[in-house]
Amino acid sequence: MSEGLDPLFSVRDKVVVVTGGFGQIGAEFVRSLHQRGARVAVTSRSEVADPAARLGIDDPDGRLLALAMDITDQASVDAGLDRVAETWGVPTVVVNNAGLDTQPSAPPEVSGPFEEFPVEVFREVVDTNLVGTFLVTQAAGRRMRDAGVGGSIVNVGSIYGMVSPVQDIYAYKAEDTGIPFIKPVAYSAAKSGLYNLTRYCATYWGRAGIRVNTLTPSGVRRDTQDAKFQANYIARMPIGRMAEADEYNGALVFLASDASTYMTGSNLVVDGGWTAW
């Protein structure tokens, strides 16, 4: 366990909730916060029997708690946050990381042209990525306010919530398979909504000491991505590569710690230069 050399960035003993904490970026957030001494509750839709083993974490002092929590269900969110409070106290850091995305390997019925995009898929993505974040933020912020403890809420956005997807990156799918892949509208629409949700909550809770910011990542390299997608994506990326999953940890620790106490309503963009074009 280490909190680093600078106490300004310490998260030791903070009670943290990370939604979607078993995903690629979420797992890195959990590992980084836990390594620095935080007490971390990690949520997923289904029960995880041995979360420490799943995350590769050594947890002899019980600072890791796994919760089955459906962020689209208010009762489930309340039950999850109540369990955290009963275990460690009211969470003072919440990372809204859970979300649905559509990869180039997705079937055509969920990745077709805008004109034919199914409304039920649009609603499902918005319900998770935007409504789910609203429900967790609402419930966590209310608990912070009522307890008078303040805190930091971090909403994980996306470059595709700030700017439109570059559809040319995916054109190779039609050339290779005869079936086009269109980066869907639902993800962009839902993620873009997070930015004003963040600003709204930042101004609403500012005097209560509750800070709300957005962290915007760009694409993360996966071994399962095909070579053409990676090459097309990297050709558009000023820094010349995709991100590694752990390269957002520093930004998250900054937002969770006292290093960012005068920052609220902001968007911290860590995108390799994607939105600089």
C-alpha atoms as a PDB file:
ATOM      1  CA  MET A   1       0.000   0.000   0.000  1.00  0.00           C
ATOM      2  CA  SER A   2       1.374   3.390  -0.990  1.00  0.00           C
ATOM      3  CA  GLU A   3      -0.077   6.863  -1.251  1.00  0.00           C
ATOM      4  CA  GLY A   4       2.935   8.315  -3.051  1.00  0.00           C
ATOM      5  CA  LEU A   5       5.389  10.921  -1.905  1.00  0.00           C
ATOM      6  CA  ASP A   6       3.150  13.988  -2.001  1.00  0.00           C
ATOM      7  CA  PRO A   7       0.355  14.142   0.613  1.00  0.00           C
ATOM      8  CA  LEU A   8      -1.434  16.709  -1.555  1.00  0.00           C
ATOM      9  CA  PHE A   9      -2.489  13.822  -3.813  1.00  0.00           C
ATOM     10  CA  SER A  10      -3.330  11.425  -0.983  1.00  0.00           C
ATOM     11  CA  VAL A  11      -6.512   9.362  -1.094  1.00  0.00           C
ATOM     12  CA  ARG A  12      -5.624   7.321   1.988  1.00  0.00           C
ATOM     13  CA  ASP A  13      -8.719   6.314   3.999  1.00  0.00           C
ATOM     14  CA  LYS A  14     -11.118   8.019   1.604  1.00  0.00           C
ATOM     15  CA  VAL A  15     -14.325   6.058   0.995  1.00  0.00           C
ATOM     16  CA  VAL A  16     -14.653   5.671  -2.763  1.00  0.00           C
ATOM     17  CA  VAL A  17     -17.314   4.141  -5.014  1.00  0.00           C
ATOM     18  CA  VAL A  18     -16.340   3.154  -8.559  1.00  0.00           C
ATOM     19  CA  THR A  19     -19.177   2.039 -10.819  1.00  0.00           C
ATOM     20  CA  GLY A  20     -18.282  -0.363 -13.585  1.00  0.00           C
ATOM     21  CA  GLY A  21     -15.147  -1.142 -11.632  1.00  0.00           C
ATOM     22  CA  PHE A  22     -14.404  -4.483 -13.245  1.00  0.00           C
ATOM     23  CA  GLY A  23     -14.138  -3.045 -16.754  1.00  0.00           C
ATOM     24  CA  GLN A  24     -10.916  -2.118 -18.505  1.00  0.00           C
ATOM     25  CA  ILE A  25     -10.506   1.445 -17.212  1.00  0.00           C
ATOM     26  CA  GLY A  26     -12.608   0.925 -14.081  1.00  0.00           C
ATOM     27  CA  ALA A  27     -10.398  -1.909 -12.852  1.00  0.00           C
ATOM     28  CA  GLU A  28      -7.343   0.307 -13.219  1.00  0.00           C
ATOM     29  CA  PHE A  29      -9.088   3.036 -11.210  1.00  0.00           C
ATOM     30  CA  VAL A  30      -9.898   0.556  -8.452  1.00  0.00           C
ATOM     31  CA  ARG A  31      -6.370  -0.852  -8.318  1.00  0.00           C
ATOM     32  CA  SER A  32      -4.781   2.609  -8.276  1.00  0.00           C
ATOM     33  CA  LEU A  33      -7.032   3.978  -5.527  1.00  0.00           C
ATOM     34  CA  HIS A  34      -6.702   0.843  -3.405  1.00  0.00           C
ATOM     35  CA  GLN A  35      -2.912   0.862  -3.776  1.00  0.00           C
ATOM     36  CA  ARG A  36      -2.907   4.406  -2.430  1.00  0.00           C
ATOM     37  CA  GLY A  37      -4.793   3.478   0.712  1.00  0.00           C
ATOM     38  CA  ALA A  38      -8.409   4.237  -0.203  1.00  0.00           C
ATOM     39  CA  ARG A  39     -11.362   2.089   0.815  1.00  0.00           C
ATOM     40  CA  VAL A  40     -12.936   1.181  -2.498  1.00  0.00           C
ATOM     41  CA  ALA A  41     -16.424  -0.131  -3.214  1.00  0.00           C
ATOM     42  CA  VAL A  42     -16.593  -1.493  -6.740  1.00  0.00           C
ATOM     43  CA  THR A  43     -19.946  -2.032  -8.407  1.00  0.00           C
ATOM     44  CA  SER A  44     -21.169  -4.268 -11.194  1.00  0.00           C
ATOM     45  CA  ARG A  45     -24.564  -5.524 -12.278  1.00  0.00           C
ATOM     46  CA  SER A  46     -23.922  -9.038 -10.972  1.00  0.00           C
ATOM     47  CA  GLU A  47     -22.227 -10.494  -7.907  1.00  0.00           C
ATOM     48  CA  VAL A  48     -18.475 -11.096  -8.069  1.00  0.00           C
ATOM     49  CA  ALA A  49     -17.472 -13.881  -5.688  1.00  0.00           C
ATOM     50  CA  ASP A  50     -13.804 -12.975  -5.209  1.00  0.00           C
ATOM     51  CA  PRO A  51     -13.275  -9.359  -6.266  1.00  0.00           C
ATOM     52  CA  ALA A  52      -9.692  -9.159  -4.990  1.00  0.00           C
ATOM     53  CA  ALA A  53      -8.650 -12.118  -7.117  1.00  0.00           C
ATOM     54  CA  ARG A  54     -10.584 -10.797 -10.115  1.00  0.00           C
ATOM     55  CA  LEU A  55      -8.765  -7.466  -9.844  1.00  0.00           C
ATOM     56  CA  GLY A  56      -5.408  -8.877  -8.841  1.00  0.00           C
ATOM     57  CA  ILE A  57      -5.460  -6.987  -5.532  1.00  0.00           C
ATOM     58  CA  ASP A  58      -3.995  -8.077  -2.217  1.00  0.00           C
ATOM     59  CA  ASP A  59      -6.557  -6.946   0.375  1.00  0.00           C
ATOM     60  CA  PRO A  60      -5.554  -8.201   3.844  1.00  0.00           C
ATOM     61  CA  ASP A  61      -7.129  -5.237   5.651  1.00  0.00           C
ATOM     62  CA  GLY A  62     -10.532  -5.374   3.954  1.00  0.00           C
ATOM     63  CA  ARG A  63     -10.436  -2.153   1.968  1.00  0.00           C
ATOM     64  CA  LEU A  64     -12.203  -3.637  -1.031  1.00  0.00           C
ATOM     65  CA  LEU A  65     -15.967  -4.146  -1.205  1.00  0.00           C
ATOM     66  CA  ALA A  66     -17.836  -5.583  -4.190  1.00  0.00           C
ATOM     67  CA  LEU A  67     -21.456  -4.591  -4.741  1.00  0.00           C
ATOM     68  CA  ALA A  68     -24.064  -5.902  -7.152  1.00  0.00           C
ATOM     69  CA  MET A  69     -25.722  -2.628  -8.138  1.00  0.00           C
ATOM     70  CA  ASP A  70     -27.861  -1.782 -11.146  1.00  0.00           C
ATOM     71  CA  ILE A  71     -27.204   1.916 -11.726  1.00  0.00           C
ATOM     72  CA  THR A  72     -30.404   2.239 -13.761  1.00  0.00           C
ATOM     73  CA  ASP A  73     -32.515   1.226 -10.758  1.00  0.00           C
ATOM     74  CA  GLN A  74     -32.954   3.783  -7.972  1.00  0.00           C
ATOM     75  CA  ALA A  75     -33.658   1.212  -5.263  1.00  0.00           C
ATOM     76  CA  SER A  76     -30.547  -0.758  -6.220  1.00  0.00           C
ATOM     77  CA  VAL A  77     -28.409   2.388  -6.132  1.00  0.00           C
ATOM     78  CA  ASP A  78     -29.758   3.369  -2.701  1.00  0.00           C
ATOM     79  CA  ALA A  79     -29.193  -0.125  -1.339  1.00  0.00           C
ATOM     80  CA  GLY A  80     -25.620  -0.175  -2.627  1.00  0.00           C
ATOM     81  CA  LEU A  81     -24.707   3.217  -1.206  1.00  0.00           C
ATOM     82  CA  ASP A  82     -26.363   2.338   2.108  1.00  0.00           C
ATOM     83  CA  ARG A  83     -24.203  -0.757   2.340  1.00  0.00           C
ATOM     84  CA  VAL A  84     -21.065   1.300   1.752  1.00  0.00           C
ATOM     85  CA  ALA A  85     -22.130   3.771   4.449  1.00  0.00           C
ATOM     86  CA  GLU A  86     -22.835   0.953   6.894  1.00  0.00           C
ATOM     87  CA  THR A  87     -19.418  -0.547   6.211  1.00  0.00           C
ATOM     88  CA  TRP A  88     -17.158   2.510   6.118  1.00  0.00           C
ATOM     89  CA  GLY A  89     -19.268   5.665   6.282  1.00  0.00           C
ATOM     90  CA  VAL A  90     -20.669   7.970   3.613  1.00  0.00           C
ATOM     91  CA  PRO A  91     -18.634   7.836   0.391  1.00  0.00           C
ATOM     92  CA  THR A  92     -16.780  11.088  -0.291  1.00  0.00           C
ATOM     93  CA  VAL A  93     -15.491  10.109  -3.736  1.00  0.00           C
ATOM     94  CA  VAL A  94     -17.742   8.676  -6.441  1.00  0.00           C
ATOM     95  CA  VAL A  95     -16.472   7.684  -9.873  1.00  0.00           C
ATOM     96  CA  ASN A  96     -19.279   7.267 -12.394  1.00  0.00           C
ATOM     97  CA  ASN A  97     -17.452   4.976 -14.789  1.00  0.00           C
ATOM     98  CA  ALA A  98     -20.101   2.403 -15.778  1.00  0.00           C
ATOM     99  CA  GLY A  99     -21.364   2.659 -19.322  1.00  0.00           C
ATOM    100  CA  LEU A 100     -22.304   0.937 -22.568  1.00  0.00           C
ATOM    101  CA  ASP A 101     -20.336   1.369 -25.783  1.00  0.00           C
ATOM    102  CA  THR A 102     -20.505  -0.235 -29.222  1.00  0.00           C
ATOM    103  CA  GLN A 103     -17.276  -1.701 -30.599  1.00  0.00           C
ATOM    104  CA  PRO A 104     -16.545  -2.313 -34.307  1.00  0.00           C
ATOM    105  CA  SER A 105     -17.176  -6.008 -33.701  1.00  0.00           C
ATOM    106  CA  ALA A 106     -20.827  -5.299 -32.814  1.00  0.00           C
ATOM    107  CA  PRO A 107     -23.617  -6.822 -34.935  1.00  0.00           C
ATOM    108  CA  PRO A 108     -25.202  -4.627 -37.633  1.00  0.00           C
ATOM    109  CA  GLU A 109     -28.535  -4.320 -35.829  1.00  0.00           C
ATOM    110  CA  VAL A 110     -26.881  -2.065 -33.212  1.00  0.00           C
ATOM    111  CA  SER A 111     -24.316  -0.381 -35.459  1.00  0.00           C
ATOM    112  CA  GLY A 112     -26.166   0.476 -38.627  1.00  0.00           C
ATOM    113  CA  PRO A 113     -26.928   3.835 -40.228  1.00  0.00           C
ATOM    114  CA  PHE A 114     -28.454   6.635 -38.163  1.00  0.00           C
ATOM    115  CA  GLU A 115     -31.610   6.527 -40.273  1.00  0.00           C
ATOM    116  CA  GLU A 116     -32.247   2.946 -39.150  1.00  0.00           C
ATOM    117  CA  PHE A 117     -30.850   3.014 -35.621  1.00  0.00           C
ATOM    118  CA  PRO A 118     -33.308   1.260 -33.270  1.00  0.00           C
ATOM    119  CA  VAL A 119     -34.904   3.470 -30.660  1.00  0.00           C
ATOM    120  CA  GLU A 120     -34.873   0.681 -28.053  1.00  0.00           C
ATOM    121  CA  VAL A 121     -31.063   0.496 -28.281  1.00  0.00           C
ATOM    122  CA  PHE A 122     -30.838   4.284 -28.058  1.00  0.00           C
ATOM    123  CA  ARG A 123     -32.941   4.223 -24.884  1.00  0.00           C
ATOM    124  CA  GLU A 124     -30.877   1.406 -23.351  1.00  0.00           C
ATOM    125  CA  VAL A 125     -27.596   3.259 -23.863  1.00  0.00           C
ATOM    126  CA  VAL A 126     -28.972   6.578 -22.609  1.00  0.00           C
ATOM    127  CA  ASP A 127     -30.561   4.823 -19.629  1.00  0.00           C
ATOM    128  CA  THR A 128     -27.184   3.412 -18.580  1.00  0.00           C
ATOM    129  CA  ASN A 129     -24.731   6.116 -19.587  1.00  0.00           C
ATOM    130  CA  LEU A 130     -26.769   9.186 -18.655  1.00  0.00           C
ATOM    131  CA  VAL A 131     -29.722   8.215 -16.460  1.00  0.00           C
ATOM    132  CA  GLY A 132     -27.578   5.782 -14.471  1.00  0.00           C
ATOM    133  CA  THR A 133     -24.991   8.484 -13.831  1.00  0.00           C
ATOM    134  CA  PHE A 134     -27.781  10.855 -12.797  1.00  0.00           C
ATOM    135  CA  LEU A 135     -29.169   8.341 -10.287  1.00  0.00           C
ATOM    136  CA  VAL A 136     -25.796   7.583  -8.696  1.00  0.00           C
ATOM    137  CA  THR A 137     -24.842  11.266  -8.595  1.00  0.00           C
ATOM    138  CA  GLN A 138     -28.184  12.247  -7.087  1.00  0.00           C
ATOM    139  CA  ALA A 139     -28.046   9.567  -4.387  1.00  0.00           C
ATOM    140  CA  ALA A 140     -24.366  10.053  -3.531  1.00  0.00           C
ATOM    141  CA  GLY A 141     -24.547  13.834  -3.504  1.00  0.00           C
ATOM    142  CA  ARG A 142     -27.599  13.784  -1.248  1.00  0.00           C
ATOM    143  CA  ARG A 143     -25.750  11.607   1.255  1.00  0.00           C
ATOM    144  CA  MET A 144     -22.681  13.862   1.190  1.00  0.00           C
ATOM    145  CA  ARG A 145     -24.837  16.946   1.690  1.00  0.00           C
ATOM    146  CA  ASP A 146     -26.892  15.448   4.497  1.00  0.00           C
ATOM    147  CA  ALA A 147     -23.752  14.240   6.294  1.00  0.00           C
ATOM    148  CA  GLY A 148     -22.067  17.620   5.810  1.00  0.00           C
ATOM    149  CA  VAL A 149     -18.897  15.962   4.543  1.00  0.00           C
ATOM    150  CA  GLY A 150     -18.527  17.304   1.007  1.00  0.00           C
ATOM    151  CA  GLY A 151     -16.719  15.240  -1.565  1.00  0.00           C
ATOM    152  CA  SER A 152     -15.730  14.724  -5.171  1.00  0.00           C
ATOM    153  CA  ILE A 153     -17.862  13.195  -7.932  1.00  0.00           C
ATOM    154  CA  VAL A 154     -16.083  12.268 -11.149  1.00  0.00           C
ATOM    155  CA  ASN A 155     -18.138  11.543 -14.253  1.00  0.00           C
ATOM    156  CA  VAL A 156     -16.252   9.654 -16.943  1.00  0.00           C
ATOM    157  CA  GLY A 157     -17.040  11.192 -20.311  1.00  0.00           C
ATOM    158  CA  SER A 158     -15.670  10.477 -23.772  1.00  0.00           C
ATOM    159  CA  ILE A 159     -14.140  12.285 -26.716  1.00  0.00           C
ATOM    160  CA  TYR A 160     -17.244  11.146 -28.601  1.00  0.00           C
ATOM    161  CA  GLY A 161     -19.331  13.148 -26.150  1.00  0.00           C
ATOM    162  CA  MET A 162     -17.302  16.268 -26.983  1.00  0.00           C
ATOM    163  CA  VAL A 163     -16.959  15.825 -30.747  1.00  0.00           C
ATOM    164  CA  SER A 164     -18.607  13.626 -33.342  1.00  0.00           C
ATOM    165  CA  PRO A 165     -17.117  10.234 -34.171  1.00  0.00           C
ATOM    166  CA  VAL A 166     -14.825  10.111 -37.188  1.00  0.00           C
ATOM    167  CA  GLN A 167     -16.762   7.573 -39.206  1.00  0.00           C
ATOM    168  CA  ASP A 168     -13.948   7.131 -41.763  1.00  0.00           C
ATOM    169  CA  ILE A 169     -12.027   5.152 -39.125  1.00  0.00           C
ATOM    170  CA  TYR A 170     -14.613   2.390 -39.415  1.00  0.00           C
ATOM    171  CA  ALA A 171     -15.042   2.381 -43.221  1.00  0.00           C
ATOM    172  CA  TYR A 172     -12.815  -0.685 -43.562  1.00  0.00           C
ATOM    173  CA  LYS A 173     -15.593  -2.847 -42.080  1.00  0.00           C
ATOM    174  CA  ALA A 174     -17.784  -2.384 -45.160  1.00  0.00           C
ATOM    175  CA  GLU A 175     -14.812  -2.957 -47.437  1.00  0.00           C
ATOM    176  CA  ASP A 176     -13.811  -6.169 -45.650  1.00  0.00           C
ATOM    177  CA  THR A 177     -17.206  -7.675 -44.831  1.00  0.00           C
ATOM    178  CA  GLY A 178     -19.750  -5.880 -46.997  1.00  0.00           C
ATOM    179  CA  ILE A 179     -21.514  -4.770 -43.805  1.00  0.00           C
ATOM    180  CA  PRO A 180     -20.892  -1.167 -42.741  1.00  0.00           C
ATOM    181  CA  PHE A 181     -20.155  -0.202 -39.157  1.00  0.00           C
ATOM    182  CA  ILE A 182     -21.424   3.231 -38.132  1.00  0.00           C
ATOM    183  CA  LYS A 183     -20.350   4.457 -34.721  1.00  0.00           C
ATOM    184  CA  PRO A 184     -23.808   4.813 -33.147  1.00  0.00           C
ATOM    185  CA  VAL A 185     -25.474   8.041 -32.133  1.00  0.00           C
ATOM    186  CA  ALA A 186     -26.635   6.737 -28.747  1.00  0.00           C
ATOM    187  CA  TYR A 187     -23.191   6.705 -27.124  1.00  0.00           C
ATOM    188  CA  SER A 188     -22.367  10.221 -28.311  1.00  0.00           C
ATOM    189  CA  ALA A 189     -25.727  11.625 -27.270  1.00  0.00           C
ATOM    190  CA  ALA A 190     -25.584  10.042 -23.822  1.00  0.00           C
ATOM    191  CA  LYS A 191     -21.984  11.003 -23.117  1.00  0.00           C
ATOM    192  CA  SER A 192     -22.529  14.585 -24.256  1.00  0.00           C
ATOM    193  CA  GLY A 193     -25.300  14.891 -21.681  1.00  0.00           C
ATOM    194  CA  LEU A 194     -22.823  14.157 -18.899  1.00  0.00           C
ATOM    195  CA  TYR A 195     -21.043  17.466 -19.407  1.00  0.00           C
ATOM    196  CA  ASN A 196     -23.986  19.658 -18.536  1.00  0.00           C
ATOM    197  CA  LEU A 197     -25.104  17.261 -15.796  1.00  0.00           C
ATOM    198  CA  THR A 198     -21.648  17.826 -14.339  1.00  0.00           C
ATOM    199  CA  ARG A 199     -21.870  21.609 -14.645  1.00  0.00           C
ATOM    200  CA  TYR A 200     -25.388  21.662 -13.199  1.00  0.00           C
ATOM    201  CA  CYS A 201     -24.435  19.615 -10.139  1.00  0.00           C
ATOM    202  CA  ALA A 202     -21.221  21.584  -9.637  1.00  0.00           C
ATOM    203  CA  THR A 203     -23.110  24.860  -9.338  1.00  0.00           C
ATOM    204  CA  TYR A 204     -25.981  23.303  -7.388  1.00  0.00           C
ATOM    205  CA  TRP A 205     -23.771  21.736  -4.711  1.00  0.00           C
ATOM    206  CA  GLY A 206     -20.829  24.118  -4.800  1.00  0.00           C
ATOM    207  CA  ARG A 207     -21.565  25.744  -1.429  1.00  0.00           C
ATOM    208  CA  ALA A 208     -21.984  22.311   0.146  1.00  0.00           C
ATOM    209  CA  GLY A 209     -18.379  21.421  -0.630  1.00  0.00           C
ATOM    210  CA  ILE A 210     -19.337  18.812  -3.213  1.00  0.00           C
ATOM    211  CA  ARG A 211     -17.196  19.075  -6.325  1.00  0.00           C
ATOM    212  CA  VAL A 212     -18.340  17.546  -9.614  1.00  0.00           C
ATOM    213  CA  ASN A 213     -16.032  17.220 -12.607  1.00  0.00           C
ATOM    214  CA  THR A 214     -15.779  15.216 -15.811  1.00  0.00           C
ATOM    215  CA  LEU A 215     -12.789  13.150 -16.877  1.00  0.00           C
ATOM    216  CA  THR A 216     -12.657  12.653 -20.637  1.00  0.00           C
ATOM    217  CA  PRO A 217     -10.597   9.762 -22.008  1.00  0.00           C
ATOM    218  CA  SER A 218     -10.005   8.709 -25.581  1.00  0.00           C
ATOM    219  CA  GLY A 219      -9.678   5.213 -26.990  1.00  0.00           C
ATOM    220  CA  VAL A 220      -7.872   2.537 -25.001  1.00  0.00           C
ATOM    221  CA  ARG A 221      -5.837  -0.188 -26.654  1.00  0.00           C
ATOM    222  CA  ARG A 222      -7.186  -3.713 -26.340  1.00  0.00           C
ATOM    223  CA  ASP A 223      -5.599  -6.925 -27.531  1.00  0.00           C
ATOM    224  CA  THR A 224      -8.940  -7.902 -29.064  1.00  0.00           C
ATOM    225  CA  GLN A 225      -9.074  -4.883 -31.399  1.00  0.00           C
ATOM    226  CA  ASP A 226      -8.330  -5.674 -35.009  1.00  0.00           C
ATOM    227  CA  ALA A 227      -5.212  -4.239 -36.617  1.00  0.00           C
ATOM    228  CA  LYS A 228      -7.045  -2.097 -39.185  1.00  0.00           C
ATOM    229  CA  PHE A 229      -9.088  -0.334 -36.534  1.00  0.00           C
ATOM    230  CA  GLN A 230      -6.001   0.387 -34.449  1.00  0.00           C
ATOM    231  CA  ALA A 231      -4.047   1.657 -37.467  1.00  0.00           C
ATOM    232  CA  ASN A 232      -6.879   3.971 -38.550  1.00  0.00           C
ATOM    233  CA  TYR A 233      -7.389   5.285 -35.039  1.00  0.00           C
ATOM    234  CA  ILE A 234      -3.684   5.874 -34.423  1.00  0.00           C
ATOM    235  CA  ALA A 235      -3.331   7.707 -37.753  1.00  0.00           C
ATOM    236  CA  ARG A 236      -5.826  10.285 -36.448  1.00  0.00           C
ATOM    237  CA  MET A 237      -4.231  10.547 -32.983  1.00  0.00           C
ATOM    238  CA  PRO A 238      -1.678  13.376 -32.549  1.00  0.00           C
ATOM    239  CA  ILE A 239       0.266  11.468 -29.899  1.00  0.00           C
ATOM    240  CA  GLY A 240       0.606   8.541 -32.299  1.00  0.00           C
ATOM    241  CA  ARG A 241      -0.868   5.694 -30.259  1.00  0.00           C
ATOM    242  CA  MET A 242      -3.914   4.599 -28.293  1.00  0.00           C
ATOM    243  CA  ALA A 243      -3.966   4.947 -24.518  1.00  0.00           C
ATOM    244  CA  GLU A 244      -3.027   2.185 -22.123  1.00  0.00           C
ATOM    245  CA  ALA A 245      -5.753   1.504 -19.577  1.00  0.00           C
ATOM    246  CA  ASP A 246      -3.705   2.786 -16.627  1.00  0.00           C
ATOM    247  CA  GLU A 247      -2.867   6.160 -18.192  1.00  0.00           C
ATOM    248  CA  TYR A 248      -5.978   7.802 -16.726  1.00  0.00           C
ATOM    249  CA  ASN A 249      -5.114   6.911 -13.133  1.00  0.00           C
ATOM    250  CA  GLY A 250      -3.132  10.076 -12.490  1.00  0.00           C
ATOM    251  CA  ALA A 251      -5.991  12.296 -13.624  1.00  0.00           C
ATOM    252  CA  LEU A 252      -8.444  10.386 -11.467  1.00  0.00           C
ATOM    253  CA  VAL A 253      -6.244  10.557  -8.356  1.00  0.00           C
ATOM    254  CA  PHE A 254      -5.917  14.313  -8.933  1.00  0.00           C
ATOM    255  CA  LEU A 255      -9.706  14.737  -9.096  1.00  0.00           C
ATOM    256  CA  ALA A 256     -10.304  12.491  -6.070  1.00  0.00           C
ATOM    257  CA  SER A 257      -7.663  14.145  -3.893  1.00  0.00           C
ATOM    258  CA  ASP A 258      -7.198  17.524  -2.247  1.00  0.00           C
ATOM    259  CA  ALA A 259      -4.971  18.536  -5.158  1.00  0.00           C
ATOM    260  CA  SER A 260      -8.157  19.617  -6.982  1.00  0.00           C
ATOM    261  CA  THR A 261     -10.099  21.300  -4.165  1.00  0.00           C
ATOM    262  CA  TYR A 262     -10.685  24.476  -6.214  1.00  0.00           C
ATOM    263  CA  MET A 263     -11.838  22.608  -9.316  1.00  0.00           C
ATOM    264  CA  THR A 264     -15.501  21.980 -10.006  1.00  0.00           C
ATOM    265  CA  GLY A 265     -17.738  21.996 -13.064  1.00  0.00           C
ATOM    266  CA  SER A 266     -14.692  21.329 -15.222  1.00  0.00           C
ATOM    267  CA  ASN A 267     -13.740  18.802 -17.862  1.00  0.00           C
ATOM    268  CA  LEU A 268     -10.288  17.263 -17.565  1.00  0.00           C
ATOM    269  CA  VAL A 269      -9.433  16.030 -21.060  1.00  0.00           C
ATOM    270  CA  VAL A 270      -6.810  13.275 -21.318  1.00  0.00           C
ATOM    271  CA  ASP A 271      -7.146  12.263 -24.950  1.00  0.00           C
ATOM    272  CA  GLY A 272      -3.719  12.144 -26.576  1.00  0.00           C
ATOM    273  CA  GLY A 273      -4.598  15.326 -28.466  1.00  0.00           C
ATOM    274  CA  TRP A 274      -7.675  13.950 -30.243  1.00  0.00           C
ATOM    275  CA  THR A 275      -9.819  17.044 -29.617  1.00  0.00           C
ATOM    276  CA  ALA A 276      -6.955  19.419 -30.456  1.00  0.00           C
ATOM    277  CA  TRP A 277      -7.573  19.067 -34.184  1.00  0.00           C
END
